[in-house]
Amino acid sequence: MVQFLITIHTIISILLIVVVLMQSGQGGLNSMMSGTANSMLGSSGANDFITKLTTGLGIAFIGLAMLIGALSGESNPSSESILQKDAESRQVDEVIPQEFSLPSAGELIPEEDSSN
């Protein structure tokens, strides 16, 4: 399904490029084609049609991009962020040395010899 949408998205993007180049202005594809689009659709009809076509293709391009993004996203979303997942994957189990305990009073003061 996503591959089909990507194919349609690619075709729409190519059509959008061609239609933008056909718009009248300082030059473009329309002037290279000797005004063929103007002669077919009339002088003002071509500009209105190309403008509406550009708008429609642009809306379709953005809509398909959002749809493809939503469909190709993670199918099992979790509440963890990407940074938390990365930190957990890099986490290393380190052996923490046992904490030192203070010696008891009996260990500090030597016992007196009762043999003297």
C-alpha atoms as a PDB file:
ATOM      1  CA  MET A   1       0.000   0.000   0.000  1.00  0.00           C
ATOM      2  CA  VAL A   2       2.742   2.438   0.962  1.00  0.00           C
ATOM      3  CA  GLN A   3       4.766   1.579  -2.166  1.00  0.00           C
ATOM      4  CA  PHE A   4       1.710   2.365  -4.333  1.00  0.00           C
ATOM      5  CA  LEU A   5       1.238   5.708  -2.583  1.00  0.00           C
ATOM      6  CA  ILE A   6       4.926   6.526  -3.032  1.00  0.00           C
ATOM      7  CA  THR A   7       4.604   5.792  -6.759  1.00  0.00           C
ATOM      8  CA  ILE A   8       1.561   8.078  -7.039  1.00  0.00           C
ATOM      9  CA  HIS A   9       3.419  10.721  -4.990  1.00  0.00           C
ATOM     10  CA  THR A  10       6.372  10.559  -7.392  1.00  0.00           C
ATOM     11  CA  ILE A  11       4.095  10.984 -10.423  1.00  0.00           C
ATOM     12  CA  ILE A  12       2.347  13.955  -8.785  1.00  0.00           C
ATOM     13  CA  SER A  13       5.696  15.565  -7.947  1.00  0.00           C
ATOM     14  CA  ILE A  14       6.868  15.264 -11.569  1.00  0.00           C
ATOM     15  CA  LEU A  15       3.561  16.706 -12.823  1.00  0.00           C
ATOM     16  CA  LEU A  16       3.850  19.539 -10.299  1.00  0.00           C
ATOM     17  CA  ILE A  17       7.330  20.411 -11.575  1.00  0.00           C
ATOM     18  CA  VAL A  18       6.108  20.461 -15.184  1.00  0.00           C
ATOM     19  CA  VAL A  19       3.032  22.574 -14.364  1.00  0.00           C
ATOM     20  CA  VAL A  20       5.084  25.098 -12.401  1.00  0.00           C
ATOM     21  CA  LEU A  21       7.452  25.405 -15.352  1.00  0.00           C
ATOM     22  CA  MET A  22       4.484  25.958 -17.691  1.00  0.00           C
ATOM     23  CA  GLN A  23       3.180  28.956 -15.743  1.00  0.00           C
ATOM     24  CA  SER A  24       3.528  32.244 -17.543  1.00  0.00           C
ATOM     25  CA  GLY A  25       6.092  34.601 -16.179  1.00  0.00           C
ATOM     26  CA  GLN A  26       9.577  35.672 -17.172  1.00  0.00           C
ATOM     27  CA  GLY A  27      10.017  32.536 -19.241  1.00  0.00           C
ATOM     28  CA  GLY A  28       9.461  28.923 -18.510  1.00  0.00           C
ATOM     29  CA  LEU A  29       8.243  25.963 -20.488  1.00  0.00           C
ATOM     30  CA  ASN A  30       5.261  27.818 -21.906  1.00  0.00           C
ATOM     31  CA  SER A  31       7.474  30.320 -23.709  1.00  0.00           C
ATOM     32  CA  MET A  32       9.665  27.516 -25.025  1.00  0.00           C
ATOM     33  CA  MET A  33       6.606  25.767 -26.489  1.00  0.00           C
ATOM     34  CA  SER A  34       5.717  28.953 -28.406  1.00  0.00           C
ATOM     35  CA  GLY A  35       2.579  29.508 -26.382  1.00  0.00           C
ATOM     36  CA  THR A  36       0.937  26.208 -27.326  1.00  0.00           C
ATOM     37  CA  ALA A  37      -1.022  26.104 -24.071  1.00  0.00           C
ATOM     38  CA  ASN A  38      -2.362  29.611 -24.652  1.00  0.00           C
ATOM     39  CA  SER A  39      -3.521  28.824 -28.165  1.00  0.00           C
ATOM     40  CA  MET A  40      -5.327  25.671 -27.033  1.00  0.00           C
ATOM     41  CA  LEU A  41      -7.145  27.124 -24.042  1.00  0.00           C
ATOM     42  CA  GLY A  42      -7.371  30.806 -24.904  1.00  0.00           C
ATOM     43  CA  SER A  43      -5.210  33.610 -23.568  1.00  0.00           C
ATOM     44  CA  SER A  44      -6.595  33.901 -20.044  1.00  0.00           C
ATOM     45  CA  GLY A  45      -8.091  30.421 -19.773  1.00  0.00           C
ATOM     46  CA  ALA A  46      -4.685  28.757 -19.800  1.00  0.00           C
ATOM     47  CA  ASN A  47      -3.369  30.827 -16.930  1.00  0.00           C
ATOM     48  CA  ASP A  48      -6.438  30.160 -14.785  1.00  0.00           C
ATOM     49  CA  PHE A  49      -6.363  26.452 -15.583  1.00  0.00           C
ATOM     50  CA  ILE A  50      -2.630  26.119 -14.858  1.00  0.00           C
ATOM     51  CA  THR A  51      -3.011  28.045 -11.601  1.00  0.00           C
ATOM     52  CA  LYS A  52      -5.842  25.779 -10.447  1.00  0.00           C
ATOM     53  CA  LEU A  53      -3.939  22.693 -11.573  1.00  0.00           C
ATOM     54  CA  THR A  54      -0.862  23.835  -9.629  1.00  0.00           C
ATOM     55  CA  THR A  55      -2.964  24.380  -6.518  1.00  0.00           C
ATOM     56  CA  GLY A  56      -4.610  20.971  -6.831  1.00  0.00           C
ATOM     57  CA  LEU A  57      -1.328  19.160  -7.415  1.00  0.00           C
ATOM     58  CA  GLY A  58       0.274  21.005  -4.498  1.00  0.00           C
ATOM     59  CA  ILE A  59      -2.548  20.020  -2.144  1.00  0.00           C
ATOM     60  CA  ALA A  60      -2.379  16.415  -3.376  1.00  0.00           C
ATOM     61  CA  PHE A  61       1.426  16.395  -2.925  1.00  0.00           C
ATOM     62  CA  ILE A  62       1.257  17.608   0.686  1.00  0.00           C
ATOM     63  CA  GLY A  63      -1.708  15.373   1.532  1.00  0.00           C
ATOM     64  CA  LEU A  64       0.006  12.275   0.148  1.00  0.00           C
ATOM     65  CA  ALA A  65       3.226  13.141   1.970  1.00  0.00           C
ATOM     66  CA  MET A  66       1.341  13.326   5.268  1.00  0.00           C
ATOM     67  CA  LEU A  67      -0.569  10.103   4.533  1.00  0.00           C
ATOM     68  CA  ILE A  68       2.604   8.217   3.622  1.00  0.00           C
ATOM     69  CA  GLY A  69       4.275   9.499   6.781  1.00  0.00           C
ATOM     70  CA  ALA A  70       1.366   8.363   8.930  1.00  0.00           C
ATOM     71  CA  LEU A  71       1.154   4.920   7.320  1.00  0.00           C
ATOM     72  CA  SER A  72       4.870   4.220   7.340  1.00  0.00           C
ATOM     73  CA  GLY A  73       5.276   5.228  10.983  1.00  0.00           C
ATOM     74  CA  GLU A  74       5.753   2.827  13.863  1.00  0.00           C
ATOM     75  CA  SER A  75       2.827   0.412  14.057  1.00  0.00           C
ATOM     76  CA  ASN A  76       3.264  -0.210  17.772  1.00  0.00           C
ATOM     77  CA  PRO A  77       3.814   3.198  19.367  1.00  0.00           C
ATOM     78  CA  SER A  78       5.224   3.250  22.852  1.00  0.00           C
ATOM     79  CA  SER A  79       5.305   5.933  25.470  1.00  0.00           C
ATOM     80  CA  GLU A  80       9.108   5.936  25.574  1.00  0.00           C
ATOM     81  CA  SER A  81      10.985   8.554  23.644  1.00  0.00           C
ATOM     82  CA  ILE A  82      13.647   7.747  21.090  1.00  0.00           C
ATOM     83  CA  LEU A  83      16.310   9.158  23.393  1.00  0.00           C
ATOM     84  CA  GLN A  84      15.268   6.827  26.219  1.00  0.00           C
ATOM     85  CA  LYS A  85      15.400   3.814  23.899  1.00  0.00           C
ATOM     86  CA  ASP A  86      18.854   4.828  22.700  1.00  0.00           C
ATOM     87  CA  ALA A  87      20.105   5.334  26.251  1.00  0.00           C
ATOM     88  CA  GLU A  88      18.793   1.919  27.283  1.00  0.00           C
ATOM     89  CA  SER A  89      20.447   0.235  24.317  1.00  0.00           C
ATOM     90  CA  ARG A  90      23.795   1.811  25.207  1.00  0.00           C
ATOM     91  CA  GLN A  91      23.492   1.013  28.892  1.00  0.00           C
ATOM     92  CA  VAL A  92      26.286  -1.189  30.225  1.00  0.00           C
ATOM     93  CA  ASP A  93      26.040  -3.242  33.379  1.00  0.00           C
ATOM     94  CA  GLU A  94      28.856  -2.067  35.591  1.00  0.00           C
ATOM     95  CA  VAL A  95      29.887  -3.757  38.786  1.00  0.00           C
ATOM     96  CA  ILE A  96      29.581  -1.253  41.582  1.00  0.00           C
ATOM     97  CA  PRO A  97      32.111  -1.900  44.330  1.00  0.00           C
ATOM     98  CA  GLN A  98      30.673  -2.493  47.762  1.00  0.00           C
ATOM     99  CA  GLU A  99      30.618   0.524  49.964  1.00  0.00           C
ATOM    100  CA  PHE A 100      33.099   0.726  52.775  1.00  0.00           C
ATOM    101  CA  SER A 101      31.765   0.353  56.267  1.00  0.00           C
ATOM    102  CA  LEU A 102      33.265   1.933  59.329  1.00  0.00           C
ATOM    103  CA  PRO A 103      35.078  -0.450  61.618  1.00  0.00           C
ATOM    104  CA  SER A 104      33.474  -1.182  64.920  1.00  0.00           C
ATOM    105  CA  ALA A 105      34.997  -0.030  68.194  1.00  0.00           C
ATOM    106  CA  GLY A 106      36.357  -3.508  68.892  1.00  0.00           C
ATOM    107  CA  GLU A 107      38.337  -3.481  65.708  1.00  0.00           C
ATOM    108  CA  LEU A 108      39.870  -0.069  66.420  1.00  0.00           C
ATOM    109  CA  ILE A 109      40.938  -0.612  70.027  1.00  0.00           C
ATOM    110  CA  PRO A 110      43.187  -3.586  70.509  1.00  0.00           C
ATOM    111  CA  GLU A 111      42.181  -5.959  73.221  1.00  0.00           C
ATOM    112  CA  GLU A 112      44.345  -5.928  76.301  1.00  0.00           C
ATOM    113  CA  ASP A 113      46.328  -8.984  77.044  1.00  0.00           C
ATOM    114  CA  SER A 114      45.212 -10.500  80.311  1.00  0.00           C
ATOM    115  CA  SER A 115      48.367 -12.590  80.532  1.00  0.00           C
ATOM    116  CA  ASN A 116      50.474  -9.768  81.947  1.00  0.00           C
END
